[in-house]
Amino acid sequence: MHTWFECKIRYDKVMENGMNKKVTEPYLVDALSFTEAEARIIEEITPFISGEFTVSDIKRANYSELFEDATGDRWFKCKLQFITLDEKSGAEKKISTYVLVQAGDLREAIKNLDEGMKGTMADYVIASVTETAIMDVYPYASEGEQKEGVVTVEFEGYSKEIESSILEQKSFEIDFNGEIKVKFEKRDIGIIAVNAIDSDGINQKESTFGRLLKYKKN
């Protein structure tokens, strides 16, 4: 059973024009208490932001399910209504619940939601699907799922497992399965892209420069 907390991080972010801007970004953390949620988000976010940052807000998030999709780079809040019958009156009543779905766009979100709900015995309707501002989600990983010294890096919808020691280097290059090759450098605000070449040999520096590299411990 997951207990989700939405944590907001405030820091100076390098924008596409190279200027710094103070931003506040929300993240979702699986934790047992507010105190643990704060400790976990600080641990998870520290590798990305070398400069100062603050946890500006923490609140409970009432998600009953989480459906991940590594190919998606957005998170959608889906409101479901389960239809049941009142045993006494026989009247139909609806019970609402919220599910968080990772996807590339609205269509994929609905598709991933239906896929994740397969096998559900109760009837339900999708009341709403709304894109959130959530940047990333950090669930607990069981001991059997953890891989010592290995992390999954994510960048603009691409992901790959690499040795965690690579992230300690001042600059390094990651080939995302032949689709795009990105050069990263450690800066004060975190690990950012400084150049990128796609599978067609086209330079994508203009659209990727300054974007942060994210990672999750396996």
Protein backbone atom coordinates (compact mmCIF):
# COMPACT_ATOMS: atom_id res chain seq x y z
CA MET A 1 0.00 0.00 0.00
CA HIS A 2 1.44 3.34 -1.08
CA THR A 3 1.07 6.61 0.81
CA TRP A 4 1.82 9.45 -1.58
CA PHE A 5 3.04 12.94 -0.72
CA GLU A 6 3.36 15.81 -3.20
CA CYS A 7 6.54 17.75 -2.45
CA LYS A 8 7.32 21.12 -4.04
CA ILE A 9 10.95 22.05 -4.73
CA ARG A 10 11.96 25.68 -5.25
CA TYR A 11 15.29 26.46 -6.95
CA ASP A 12 17.03 28.46 -9.68
CA LYS A 13 16.55 26.74 -13.05
CA VAL A 14 18.46 27.39 -16.27
CA MET A 15 15.89 28.24 -18.95
CA GLU A 16 16.21 27.66 -22.71
CA ASN A 17 17.58 31.18 -23.18
CA GLY A 18 20.39 30.43 -20.71
CA MET A 19 18.97 32.68 -18.00
CA ASN A 20 18.29 31.56 -14.43
CA LYS A 21 14.72 31.66 -13.17
CA LYS A 22 13.31 30.84 -9.74
CA VAL A 23 10.84 27.96 -10.22
CA THR A 24 8.74 25.69 -8.02
CA GLU A 25 8.30 22.10 -9.24
CA PRO A 26 6.12 19.36 -7.70
CA TYR A 27 7.30 15.77 -7.21
CA LEU A 28 5.47 12.73 -5.85
CA VAL A 29 7.10 10.63 -3.11
CA ASP A 30 6.06 7.36 -1.48
CA ALA A 31 6.61 7.72 2.28
CA LEU A 32 5.19 6.81 5.67
CA SER A 33 5.07 10.34 7.09
CA PHE A 34 5.63 14.01 6.27
CA THR A 35 9.07 13.81 7.87
CA GLU A 36 10.09 10.82 5.77
CA ALA A 37 8.65 12.43 2.63
CA GLU A 38 10.86 15.49 3.17
CA ALA A 39 13.94 13.32 3.76
CA ARG A 40 13.25 11.18 0.69
CA ILE A 41 12.66 14.07 -1.72
CA ILE A 42 15.86 15.77 -0.54
CA GLU A 43 17.79 12.53 -1.12
CA GLU A 44 16.25 11.96 -4.56
CA ILE A 45 16.54 15.52 -5.86
CA THR A 46 20.01 16.44 -4.54
CA PRO A 47 21.91 14.78 -7.44
CA PHE A 48 20.01 16.94 -9.94
CA ILE A 49 20.44 20.30 -8.22
CA SER A 50 23.94 21.19 -7.08
CA GLY A 51 22.90 24.67 -6.00
CA GLU A 52 20.59 25.60 -3.15
CA PHE A 53 16.97 24.46 -3.11
CA THR A 54 14.16 24.36 -0.59
CA VAL A 55 11.22 22.03 0.04
CA SER A 56 8.55 24.72 -0.04
CA ASP A 57 5.49 22.53 0.56
CA ILE A 58 4.46 18.95 1.36
CA LYS A 59 0.90 17.63 1.24
CA ARG A 60 -0.80 14.26 0.99
CA ALA A 61 -1.85 13.10 -2.49
CA ASN A 62 -4.90 10.85 -2.67
CA TYR A 63 -3.93 8.50 -5.50
CA SER A 64 -5.21 4.94 -5.18
CA GLU A 65 -3.18 3.61 -8.13
CA LEU A 66 -0.12 4.57 -10.16
CA PHE A 67 0.37 3.37 -13.75
CA GLU A 68 3.87 4.02 -15.12
CA ASP A 69 4.99 4.15 -18.75
CA ALA A 70 8.72 4.72 -19.33
CA THR A 71 8.02 6.17 -22.80
CA GLY A 72 5.87 8.96 -21.36
CA ASP A 73 7.17 12.23 -19.93
CA ARG A 74 3.97 13.61 -18.40
CA TRP A 75 1.72 12.65 -15.50
CA PHE A 76 -2.08 12.73 -15.72
CA LYS A 77 -4.54 12.79 -12.84
CA CYS A 78 -7.50 10.58 -13.72
CA LYS A 79 -10.77 10.64 -11.79
CA LEU A 80 -12.64 7.35 -11.90
CA GLN A 81 -16.18 6.73 -10.71
CA PHE A 82 -17.05 3.18 -9.70
CA ILE A 83 -20.72 2.33 -10.08
CA THR A 84 -22.29 0.30 -7.27
CA LEU A 85 -25.81 -0.48 -6.07
CA ASP A 86 -27.03 0.44 -2.60
CA GLU A 87 -28.04 -2.86 -0.95
CA LYS A 88 -30.99 -1.31 0.90
CA SER A 89 -32.51 1.04 -1.66
CA GLY A 90 -31.21 -0.60 -4.82
CA ALA A 91 -30.26 2.85 -6.06
CA GLU A 92 -27.14 3.34 -8.16
CA LYS A 93 -24.33 5.28 -6.50
CA LYS A 94 -20.89 6.38 -7.64
CA ILE A 95 -17.67 6.21 -5.62
CA SER A 96 -14.84 8.42 -6.89
CA THR A 97 -11.13 7.61 -6.79
CA TYR A 98 -8.01 9.11 -8.37
CA VAL A 99 -5.31 7.38 -10.42
CA LEU A 100 -2.02 8.87 -11.63
CA VAL A 101 -1.00 7.80 -15.13
CA GLN A 102 2.29 8.40 -16.95
CA ALA A 103 1.98 9.03 -20.70
CA GLY A 104 3.15 11.17 -23.60
CA ASP A 105 -0.22 12.81 -24.25
CA LEU A 106 -3.92 12.67 -23.39
CA ARG A 107 -4.72 9.81 -25.78
CA GLU A 108 -1.92 7.67 -24.36
CA ALA A 109 -3.02 8.51 -20.83
CA ILE A 110 -6.51 7.12 -21.45
CA LYS A 111 -5.05 4.08 -23.20
CA ASN A 112 -2.62 3.39 -20.34
CA LEU A 113 -5.41 3.92 -17.81
CA ASP A 114 -7.67 1.36 -19.48
CA GLU A 115 -4.74 -1.05 -19.77
CA GLY A 116 -3.91 -0.65 -16.10
CA MET A 117 -7.52 -1.18 -15.06
CA LYS A 118 -7.85 -4.46 -16.98
CA GLY A 119 -9.12 -7.20 -14.75
CA THR A 120 -11.08 -4.84 -12.54
CA MET A 121 -14.39 -6.50 -11.70
CA ALA A 122 -16.31 -3.34 -10.83
CA ASP A 123 -17.82 -1.09 -13.50
CA TYR A 124 -16.29 2.35 -13.76
CA VAL A 125 -16.39 5.49 -15.89
CA ILE A 126 -13.60 7.97 -16.56
CA ALA A 127 -14.93 11.25 -15.16
CA SER A 128 -11.89 13.38 -16.03
CA VAL A 129 -8.27 13.26 -17.17
CA THR A 130 -6.08 16.27 -16.36
CA GLU A 131 -2.40 16.82 -17.05
CA THR A 132 -0.49 17.65 -13.86
CA ALA A 133 2.70 19.63 -13.29
CA ILE A 134 4.35 16.66 -11.52
CA MET A 135 7.95 16.34 -12.71
CA ASP A 136 8.73 12.85 -11.40
CA VAL A 137 7.51 10.11 -9.07
CA TYR A 138 9.57 8.22 -6.49
CA PRO A 139 7.92 5.00 -5.28
CA TYR A 140 9.60 2.59 -2.92
CA ALA A 141 11.60 -0.17 -4.60
CA SER A 142 11.58 -3.60 -2.99
CA GLU A 143 14.94 -5.19 -2.17
CA GLY A 144 14.50 -7.65 -5.01
CA GLU A 145 14.06 -4.81 -7.49
CA GLN A 146 17.17 -2.89 -6.42
CA LYS A 147 20.36 -3.17 -8.45
CA GLU A 148 23.52 -2.14 -6.70
CA GLY A 149 25.37 0.65 -8.51
CA VAL A 150 22.84 0.94 -11.34
CA VAL A 151 20.47 3.84 -12.03
CA THR A 152 17.87 4.54 -14.70
CA VAL A 153 18.47 7.91 -16.33
CA GLU A 154 15.68 9.80 -18.07
CA PHE A 155 15.94 12.66 -20.53
CA GLU A 156 13.16 14.16 -22.67
CA GLY A 157 11.24 10.89 -22.92
CA TYR A 158 14.32 8.66 -23.36
CA SER A 159 15.55 6.29 -20.64
CA LYS A 160 18.46 3.94 -20.06
CA GLU A 161 20.17 2.02 -17.26
CA ILE A 162 23.76 3.09 -16.54
CA GLU A 163 26.37 2.69 -13.82
CA SER A 164 25.78 5.28 -11.08
CA SER A 165 29.51 6.14 -11.05
CA ILE A 166 29.06 7.80 -14.46
CA LEU A 167 27.00 10.53 -12.81
CA GLU A 168 29.99 11.50 -10.67
CA GLN A 169 32.02 12.58 -13.72
CA LYS A 170 32.21 16.28 -14.63
CA SER A 171 31.13 15.53 -18.18
CA PHE A 172 29.94 12.39 -19.94
CA GLU A 173 27.96 11.15 -22.91
CA ILE A 174 24.95 8.82 -22.99
CA ASP A 175 23.70 7.00 -26.08
CA PHE A 176 19.97 6.40 -25.62
CA ASN A 177 19.64 3.16 -27.59
CA GLY A 178 20.82 4.72 -30.85
CA GLU A 179 17.95 7.23 -30.92
CA ILE A 180 19.88 10.20 -29.58
CA LYS A 181 23.37 10.75 -28.15
CA VAL A 182 23.57 13.47 -25.49
CA LYS A 183 26.56 15.10 -23.83
CA PHE A 184 26.01 16.19 -20.22
CA GLU A 185 27.97 18.38 -17.79
CA LYS A 186 27.68 18.87 -14.04
CA ARG A 187 26.77 22.46 -13.23
CA ASP A 188 25.70 24.27 -10.07
CA ILE A 189 22.02 23.61 -10.76
CA GLY A 190 22.51 19.93 -11.62
CA ILE A 191 23.45 17.71 -14.57
CA ILE A 192 22.43 19.45 -17.80
CA ALA A 193 22.60 18.69 -21.52
CA VAL A 194 25.13 20.71 -23.49
CA ASN A 195 24.84 18.99 -26.87
CA ALA A 196 22.83 16.26 -28.59
CA ILE A 197 22.92 14.40 -31.91
CA ASP A 198 19.88 12.40 -33.07
CA SER A 199 19.87 9.14 -35.06
CA ASP A 200 19.91 11.09 -38.35
CA GLY A 201 23.07 12.94 -37.35
CA ILE A 202 21.20 16.20 -36.82
CA ASN A 203 22.45 18.46 -34.01
CA GLN A 204 19.70 19.02 -31.42
CA LYS A 205 21.63 21.41 -29.16
CA GLU A 206 19.15 24.26 -29.61
CA SER A 207 16.20 22.22 -28.31
CA THR A 208 18.03 20.31 -25.54
CA PHE A 209 20.62 22.70 -24.07
CA GLY A 210 20.15 23.28 -20.35
CA ARG A 211 17.62 20.46 -19.88
CA LEU A 212 18.18 18.49 -16.67
CA LEU A 213 19.08 14.81 -16.63
CA LYS A 214 16.92 12.83 -14.20
CA TYR A 215 17.63 9.46 -12.67
CA LYS A 216 16.09 6.86 -10.39
CA LYS A 217 17.92 4.35 -8.22
CA ASN A 218 17.15 0.77 -9.26
